[in-house]
Amino acid sequence: MQGRAQFQDTAASLSETLKKLIDGIRGKQTVSLRDLMDGVGEQGLLLICAVASLPFLIPVSIPGISTVFGAAIILISLAIMLNRMPWLPKKILDRQLDTGKLVPALERGVQIVSRLDRLLKPRMTGLTSSAFANRLNGMAIALAGVLLMFPLGFVPFSNTLPGIAILLLSTGMIQRDGLVVAAGYAFNLATIAYFAALAYLAFSAGQSAASFFS
């Protein structure tokens, strides 16, 4: 894809868009990211990031989803930073995902985002109204996407924390809600702190084991 991206507010709520998306893929055995992007349509790239974050908000295991959705989120966030339409490789766009596991995750996501829809409103617009702010926000989404792709899926909350950050950053940008965007930054920091704590515990355990056997 080429050309300038149009990052406009959406008239429909995320929960409404998500319900339509689920109806469109229900009954299929597998679904690709291309199918999901077609289902969202003109709602925008930020909504793709929001939808891609939803399966990580609940404890569900869908093989390959963190790689596909994480890579897509990073590439889309880079496009947001550059205000350009994204290029996505065919391998990511056409990777088939198990709809039997994805649809229930998205249905649970409807319950989450329907509550979020009621909270979103324009405020603290300095965090969302300028090109510079949107570039910073795009960098924050990209960082969350990188954290999401860390091979720690077996560790509790390792995907949930960056998933929440992506959801808050993307929906906050859509609705010009700077408070929600700021919360997304906070979850990015919480994810980094959590991963640092895990690394420290693993290092300490390794040192203790080495001391024991020596």
C-alpha atoms as a PDB file:
ATOM      1  CA  MET A   1       0.000   0.000   0.000  1.00  0.00           C
ATOM      2  CA  GLN A   2       1.209   3.501  -0.754  1.00  0.00           C
ATOM      3  CA  GLY A   3       0.031   7.047  -0.261  1.00  0.00           C
ATOM      4  CA  ARG A   4      -0.865   9.097   2.774  1.00  0.00           C
ATOM      5  CA  ALA A   5      -2.903   7.534   5.530  1.00  0.00           C
ATOM      6  CA  GLN A   6      -6.123   9.084   6.754  1.00  0.00           C
ATOM      7  CA  PHE A   7      -6.243   8.822  10.543  1.00  0.00           C
ATOM      8  CA  GLN A   8      -9.742  10.085  11.139  1.00  0.00           C
ATOM      9  CA  ASP A   9     -12.135   9.632  14.027  1.00  0.00           C
ATOM     10  CA  THR A  10     -14.591   6.800  13.571  1.00  0.00           C
ATOM     11  CA  ALA A  11     -18.323   7.415  13.778  1.00  0.00           C
ATOM     12  CA  ALA A  12     -19.035   3.874  14.969  1.00  0.00           C
ATOM     13  CA  SER A  13     -17.853   2.624  18.345  1.00  0.00           C
ATOM     14  CA  LEU A  14     -15.210  -0.063  18.543  1.00  0.00           C
ATOM     15  CA  SER A  15     -17.694  -2.533  20.040  1.00  0.00           C
ATOM     16  CA  GLU A  16     -20.101  -2.013  17.102  1.00  0.00           C
ATOM     17  CA  THR A  17     -17.302  -2.507  14.582  1.00  0.00           C
ATOM     18  CA  LEU A  18     -16.110  -5.579  16.424  1.00  0.00           C
ATOM     19  CA  LYS A  19     -19.574  -7.169  16.430  1.00  0.00           C
ATOM     20  CA  LYS A  20     -19.820  -6.694  12.659  1.00  0.00           C
ATOM     21  CA  LEU A  21     -16.355  -8.174  12.229  1.00  0.00           C
ATOM     22  CA  ILE A  22     -17.260 -11.252  14.290  1.00  0.00           C
ATOM     23  CA  ASP A  23     -20.450 -11.770  12.277  1.00  0.00           C
ATOM     24  CA  GLY A  24     -18.402 -11.636   9.088  1.00  0.00           C
ATOM     25  CA  ILE A  25     -15.910 -14.354  10.091  1.00  0.00           C
ATOM     26  CA  ARG A  26     -18.186 -16.593  12.166  1.00  0.00           C
ATOM     27  CA  GLY A  27     -18.560 -20.047  10.649  1.00  0.00           C
ATOM     28  CA  LYS A  28     -15.210 -19.971   8.833  1.00  0.00           C
ATOM     29  CA  GLN A  29     -12.604 -22.532   9.842  1.00  0.00           C
ATOM     30  CA  THR A  30      -9.702 -20.107   9.504  1.00  0.00           C
ATOM     31  CA  VAL A  31      -9.283 -16.375   8.996  1.00  0.00           C
ATOM     32  CA  SER A  32      -6.368 -14.182   7.930  1.00  0.00           C
ATOM     33  CA  LEU A  33      -5.280 -10.703   8.926  1.00  0.00           C
ATOM     34  CA  ARG A  34      -6.295  -9.614   5.407  1.00  0.00           C
ATOM     35  CA  ASP A  35      -9.843 -10.804   6.175  1.00  0.00           C
ATOM     36  CA  LEU A  36      -9.864  -8.839   9.436  1.00  0.00           C
ATOM     37  CA  MET A  37      -8.620  -5.675   7.712  1.00  0.00           C
ATOM     38  CA  ASP A  38     -11.299  -6.065   5.041  1.00  0.00           C
ATOM     39  CA  GLY A  39     -13.896  -6.456   7.804  1.00  0.00           C
ATOM     40  CA  VAL A  40     -12.854  -3.229   9.486  1.00  0.00           C
ATOM     41  CA  GLY A  41     -12.857  -1.432   6.139  1.00  0.00           C
ATOM     42  CA  GLU A  42     -12.528   2.329   6.174  1.00  0.00           C
ATOM     43  CA  GLN A  43     -12.646   2.593   9.956  1.00  0.00           C
ATOM     44  CA  GLY A  44      -8.871   3.035   9.933  1.00  0.00           C
ATOM     45  CA  LEU A  45      -5.516   1.624  10.879  1.00  0.00           C
ATOM     46  CA  LEU A  46      -5.850   2.447  14.562  1.00  0.00           C
ATOM     47  CA  LEU A  47      -8.894   0.203  14.785  1.00  0.00           C
ATOM     48  CA  ILE A  48      -6.834  -2.655  13.342  1.00  0.00           C
ATOM     49  CA  CYS A  49      -4.357  -2.173  16.194  1.00  0.00           C
ATOM     50  CA  ALA A  50      -7.200  -2.125  18.708  1.00  0.00           C
ATOM     51  CA  VAL A  51      -8.813  -5.281  17.277  1.00  0.00           C
ATOM     52  CA  ALA A  52      -5.428  -7.051  17.098  1.00  0.00           C
ATOM     53  CA  SER A  53      -4.834  -6.371  20.803  1.00  0.00           C
ATOM     54  CA  LEU A  54      -8.070  -8.004  21.986  1.00  0.00           C
ATOM     55  CA  PRO A  55      -7.063 -11.712  21.927  1.00  0.00           C
ATOM     56  CA  PHE A  56      -4.261 -10.895  24.388  1.00  0.00           C
ATOM     57  CA  LEU A  57      -6.554  -9.438  27.037  1.00  0.00           C
ATOM     58  CA  ILE A  58      -7.769 -12.880  28.135  1.00  0.00           C
ATOM     59  CA  PRO A  59      -5.877 -16.118  28.836  1.00  0.00           C
ATOM     60  CA  VAL A  60      -6.232 -17.840  25.473  1.00  0.00           C
ATOM     61  CA  SER A  61      -3.649 -19.675  23.378  1.00  0.00           C
ATOM     62  CA  ILE A  62      -3.912 -19.211  19.613  1.00  0.00           C
ATOM     63  CA  PRO A  63      -0.811 -20.588  17.820  1.00  0.00           C
ATOM     64  CA  GLY A  64       1.085 -17.946  15.840  1.00  0.00           C
ATOM     65  CA  ILE A  65      -1.188 -15.055  16.764  1.00  0.00           C
ATOM     66  CA  SER A  66       1.378 -13.059  18.753  1.00  0.00           C
ATOM     67  CA  THR A  67       3.796 -13.182  15.805  1.00  0.00           C
ATOM     68  CA  VAL A  68       1.207 -12.244  13.174  1.00  0.00           C
ATOM     69  CA  PHE A  69      -0.643  -9.582  15.168  1.00  0.00           C
ATOM     70  CA  GLY A  70       2.509  -8.247  16.844  1.00  0.00           C
ATOM     71  CA  ALA A  71       4.287  -7.772  13.513  1.00  0.00           C
ATOM     72  CA  ALA A  72       1.190  -6.160  11.993  1.00  0.00           C
ATOM     73  CA  ILE A  73       0.837  -3.771  14.943  1.00  0.00           C
ATOM     74  CA  ILE A  74       4.488  -2.727  14.644  1.00  0.00           C
ATOM     75  CA  LEU A  75       4.255  -2.103  10.881  1.00  0.00           C
ATOM     76  CA  ILE A  76       0.967  -0.221  11.220  1.00  0.00           C
ATOM     77  CA  SER A  77       2.345   1.898  14.070  1.00  0.00           C
ATOM     78  CA  LEU A  78       5.346   2.817  11.926  1.00  0.00           C
ATOM     79  CA  ALA A  79       2.906   3.906   9.224  1.00  0.00           C
ATOM     80  CA  ILE A  80       1.082   6.030  11.813  1.00  0.00           C
ATOM     81  CA  MET A  81       4.386   7.657  12.780  1.00  0.00           C
ATOM     82  CA  LEU A  82       5.140   8.459   9.124  1.00  0.00           C
ATOM     83  CA  ASN A  83       1.517   9.273   8.199  1.00  0.00           C
ATOM     84  CA  ARG A  84       1.728   6.766   5.363  1.00  0.00           C
ATOM     85  CA  MET A  85      -0.305   3.709   4.417  1.00  0.00           C
ATOM     86  CA  PRO A  86       1.513   0.597   5.661  1.00  0.00           C
ATOM     87  CA  TRP A  87       3.239  -2.133   3.707  1.00  0.00           C
ATOM     88  CA  LEU A  88       2.439  -5.564   5.111  1.00  0.00           C
ATOM     89  CA  PRO A  89       4.148  -8.718   3.785  1.00  0.00           C
ATOM     90  CA  LYS A  90       1.919 -11.371   2.229  1.00  0.00           C
ATOM     91  CA  LYS A  91       3.176 -13.914   4.772  1.00  0.00           C
ATOM     92  CA  ILE A  92       1.641 -11.859   7.587  1.00  0.00           C
ATOM     93  CA  LEU A  93      -1.499 -10.815   5.715  1.00  0.00           C
ATOM     94  CA  ASP A  94      -2.411 -14.346   4.609  1.00  0.00           C
ATOM     95  CA  ARG A  95      -1.330 -16.411   7.644  1.00  0.00           C
ATOM     96  CA  GLN A  96      -4.362 -18.540   8.540  1.00  0.00           C
ATOM     97  CA  LEU A  97      -5.555 -18.396  12.166  1.00  0.00           C
ATOM     98  CA  ASP A  98      -7.951 -20.761  13.913  1.00  0.00           C
ATOM     99  CA  THR A  99     -11.340 -19.004  13.918  1.00  0.00           C
ATOM    100  CA  GLY A 100     -12.682 -21.434  16.516  1.00  0.00           C
ATOM    101  CA  LYS A 101     -10.303 -19.890  19.060  1.00  0.00           C
ATOM    102  CA  LEU A 102     -10.181 -16.353  17.675  1.00  0.00           C
ATOM    103  CA  VAL A 103     -13.935 -15.664  17.629  1.00  0.00           C
ATOM    104  CA  PRO A 104     -14.487 -16.455  21.349  1.00  0.00           C
ATOM    105  CA  ALA A 105     -11.540 -14.186  22.190  1.00  0.00           C
ATOM    106  CA  LEU A 106     -13.034 -11.363  20.129  1.00  0.00           C
ATOM    107  CA  GLU A 107     -16.455 -11.952  21.706  1.00  0.00           C
ATOM    108  CA  ARG A 108     -14.907 -11.549  25.133  1.00  0.00           C
ATOM    109  CA  GLY A 109     -13.224  -8.453  23.761  1.00  0.00           C
ATOM    110  CA  VAL A 110     -16.640  -6.970  22.929  1.00  0.00           C
ATOM    111  CA  GLN A 111     -17.493  -7.069  26.623  1.00  0.00           C
ATOM    112  CA  ILE A 112     -14.279  -5.231  27.467  1.00  0.00           C
ATOM    113  CA  VAL A 113     -14.429  -2.551  24.791  1.00  0.00           C
ATOM    114  CA  SER A 114     -18.142  -1.862  25.327  1.00  0.00           C
ATOM    115  CA  ARG A 115     -17.197  -0.634  28.800  1.00  0.00           C
ATOM    116  CA  LEU A 116     -14.285   1.322  27.353  1.00  0.00           C
ATOM    117  CA  ASP A 117     -16.577   2.950  24.747  1.00  0.00           C
ATOM    118  CA  ARG A 118     -18.604   4.565  27.545  1.00  0.00           C
ATOM    119  CA  LEU A 119     -15.484   6.110  29.068  1.00  0.00           C
ATOM    120  CA  LEU A 120     -13.922   7.539  25.904  1.00  0.00           C
ATOM    121  CA  LYS A 121     -14.360  11.267  25.252  1.00  0.00           C
ATOM    122  CA  PRO A 122     -12.199  14.137  23.966  1.00  0.00           C
ATOM    123  CA  ARG A 123      -9.935  15.427  26.777  1.00  0.00           C
ATOM    124  CA  MET A 124      -6.278  16.267  27.303  1.00  0.00           C
ATOM    125  CA  THR A 125      -6.192  16.748  23.533  1.00  0.00           C
ATOM    126  CA  GLY A 126      -2.594  17.932  23.605  1.00  0.00           C
ATOM    127  CA  LEU A 127      -1.648  14.251  23.632  1.00  0.00           C
ATOM    128  CA  THR A 128      -3.599  13.500  20.436  1.00  0.00           C
ATOM    129  CA  SER A 129      -4.117  16.660  18.372  1.00  0.00           C
ATOM    130  CA  SER A 130      -0.690  17.311  16.836  1.00  0.00           C
ATOM    131  CA  ALA A 131       1.437  15.465  14.321  1.00  0.00           C
ATOM    132  CA  PHE A 132       4.285  15.341  16.848  1.00  0.00           C
ATOM    133  CA  ALA A 133       2.025  13.774  19.494  1.00  0.00           C
ATOM    134  CA  ASN A 134       0.777  11.185  17.010  1.00  0.00           C
ATOM    135  CA  ARG A 135       4.354  10.257  16.098  1.00  0.00           C
ATOM    136  CA  LEU A 136       5.156   9.726  19.775  1.00  0.00           C
ATOM    137  CA  ASN A 137       1.957   7.720  20.199  1.00  0.00           C
ATOM    138  CA  GLY A 138       2.868   5.633  17.153  1.00  0.00           C
ATOM    139  CA  MET A 139       6.259   4.924  18.733  1.00  0.00           C
ATOM    140  CA  ALA A 140       4.491   3.844  21.937  1.00  0.00           C
ATOM    141  CA  ILE A 141       2.260   1.435  19.988  1.00  0.00           C
ATOM    142  CA  ALA A 142       5.323   0.047  18.192  1.00  0.00           C
ATOM    143  CA  LEU A 143       7.064  -0.491  21.534  1.00  0.00           C
ATOM    144  CA  ALA A 144       4.017  -2.329  22.867  1.00  0.00           C
ATOM    145  CA  GLY A 145       4.003  -4.469  19.718  1.00  0.00           C
ATOM    146  CA  VAL A 146       7.650  -5.412  20.297  1.00  0.00           C
ATOM    147  CA  LEU A 147       6.906  -6.280  23.936  1.00  0.00           C
ATOM    148  CA  LEU A 148       3.943  -8.343  22.753  1.00  0.00           C
ATOM    149  CA  MET A 149       6.195 -10.448  20.535  1.00  0.00           C
ATOM    150  CA  PHE A 150       8.591 -11.375  23.341  1.00  0.00           C
ATOM    151  CA  PRO A 151       8.657 -15.216  23.624  1.00  0.00           C
ATOM    152  CA  LEU A 152       7.086 -15.178  27.087  1.00  0.00           C
ATOM    153  CA  GLY A 153       3.584 -16.393  26.254  1.00  0.00           C
ATOM    154  CA  PHE A 154       3.824 -18.999  29.027  1.00  0.00           C
ATOM    155  CA  VAL A 155       4.350 -16.249  31.659  1.00  0.00           C
ATOM    156  CA  PRO A 156       1.133 -14.787  33.139  1.00  0.00           C
ATOM    157  CA  PHE A 157       0.321 -11.230  31.975  1.00  0.00           C
ATOM    158  CA  SER A 158       3.297 -11.080  29.580  1.00  0.00           C
ATOM    159  CA  ASN A 159       0.913 -10.591  26.637  1.00  0.00           C
ATOM    160  CA  THR A 160      -1.917  -8.971  28.579  1.00  0.00           C
ATOM    161  CA  LEU A 161      -0.014  -5.864  29.730  1.00  0.00           C
ATOM    162  CA  PRO A 162       1.237  -4.768  26.267  1.00  0.00           C
ATOM    163  CA  GLY A 163      -2.146  -5.774  24.800  1.00  0.00           C
ATOM    164  CA  ILE A 164      -3.888  -3.337  27.162  1.00  0.00           C
ATOM    165  CA  ALA A 165      -1.333  -0.646  26.259  1.00  0.00           C
ATOM    166  CA  ILE A 166      -2.080  -1.086  22.530  1.00  0.00           C
ATOM    167  CA  LEU A 167      -5.842  -0.998  23.100  1.00  0.00           C
ATOM    168  CA  LEU A 168      -5.674   2.166  25.220  1.00  0.00           C
ATOM    169  CA  LEU A 169      -3.256   3.987  22.907  1.00  0.00           C
ATOM    170  CA  SER A 170      -5.166   3.196  19.716  1.00  0.00           C
ATOM    171  CA  THR A 171      -8.681   3.879  21.040  1.00  0.00           C
ATOM    172  CA  GLY A 172      -7.477   6.996  22.843  1.00  0.00           C
ATOM    173  CA  MET A 173      -6.039   8.335  19.592  1.00  0.00           C
ATOM    174  CA  ILE A 174      -9.250   7.534  17.696  1.00  0.00           C
ATOM    175  CA  GLN A 175     -11.467   9.405  20.175  1.00  0.00           C
ATOM    176  CA  ARG A 176      -8.903  12.141  20.973  1.00  0.00           C
ATOM    177  CA  ASP A 177      -8.863  11.003  24.616  1.00  0.00           C
ATOM    178  CA  GLY A 178      -5.468  12.029  25.975  1.00  0.00           C
ATOM    179  CA  LEU A 179      -6.189  10.554  29.397  1.00  0.00           C
ATOM    180  CA  VAL A 180      -6.648   7.078  27.884  1.00  0.00           C
ATOM    181  CA  VAL A 181      -3.498   7.572  25.784  1.00  0.00           C
ATOM    182  CA  ALA A 182      -1.581   8.457  28.958  1.00  0.00           C
ATOM    183  CA  ALA A 183      -2.896   5.268  30.551  1.00  0.00           C
ATOM    184  CA  GLY A 184      -1.509   3.379  27.553  1.00  0.00           C
ATOM    185  CA  TYR A 185       1.930   4.853  28.235  1.00  0.00           C
ATOM    186  CA  ALA A 186       1.591   3.759  31.873  1.00  0.00           C
ATOM    187  CA  PHE A 187       0.884   0.172  30.806  1.00  0.00           C
ATOM    188  CA  ASN A 188       3.947   0.236  28.545  1.00  0.00           C
ATOM    189  CA  LEU A 189       6.046   1.275  31.546  1.00  0.00           C
ATOM    190  CA  ALA A 190       4.376  -1.414  33.676  1.00  0.00           C
ATOM    191  CA  THR A 191       5.228  -4.025  31.027  1.00  0.00           C
ATOM    192  CA  ILE A 192       8.880  -2.954  30.935  1.00  0.00           C
ATOM    193  CA  ALA A 193       9.056  -3.040  34.743  1.00  0.00           C
ATOM    194  CA  TYR A 194       7.420  -6.479  34.798  1.00  0.00           C
ATOM    195  CA  PHE A 195       9.831  -7.895  32.208  1.00  0.00           C
ATOM    196  CA  ALA A 196      12.785  -6.364  34.078  1.00  0.00           C
ATOM    197  CA  ALA A 197      11.593  -8.030  37.285  1.00  0.00           C
ATOM    198  CA  LEU A 198      11.289 -11.378  35.478  1.00  0.00           C
ATOM    199  CA  ALA A 199      14.806 -10.983  34.081  1.00  0.00           C
ATOM    200  CA  TYR A 200      16.163 -10.134  37.529  1.00  0.00           C
ATOM    201  CA  LEU A 201      14.446 -13.143  39.117  1.00  0.00           C
ATOM    202  CA  ALA A 202      15.738 -15.443  36.364  1.00  0.00           C
ATOM    203  CA  PHE A 203      19.276 -14.068  36.797  1.00  0.00           C
ATOM    204  CA  SER A 204      19.104 -14.446  40.587  1.00  0.00           C
ATOM    205  CA  ALA A 205      17.812 -18.003  40.234  1.00  0.00           C
ATOM    206  CA  GLY A 206      20.647 -18.803  37.837  1.00  0.00           C
ATOM    207  CA  GLN A 207      23.221 -17.356  40.223  1.00  0.00           C
ATOM    208  CA  SER A 208      21.779 -19.334  43.127  1.00  0.00           C
ATOM    209  CA  ALA A 209      21.790 -22.544  41.106  1.00  0.00           C
ATOM    210  CA  ALA A 210      25.387 -21.944  40.023  1.00  0.00           C
ATOM    211  CA  SER A 211      26.445 -21.312  43.623  1.00  0.00           C
ATOM    212  CA  PHE A 212      24.641 -24.449  44.814  1.00  0.00           C
ATOM    213  CA  PHE A 213      26.295 -26.744  42.291  1.00  0.00           C
ATOM    214  CA  SER A 214      29.713 -25.149  42.684  1.00  0.00           C
END
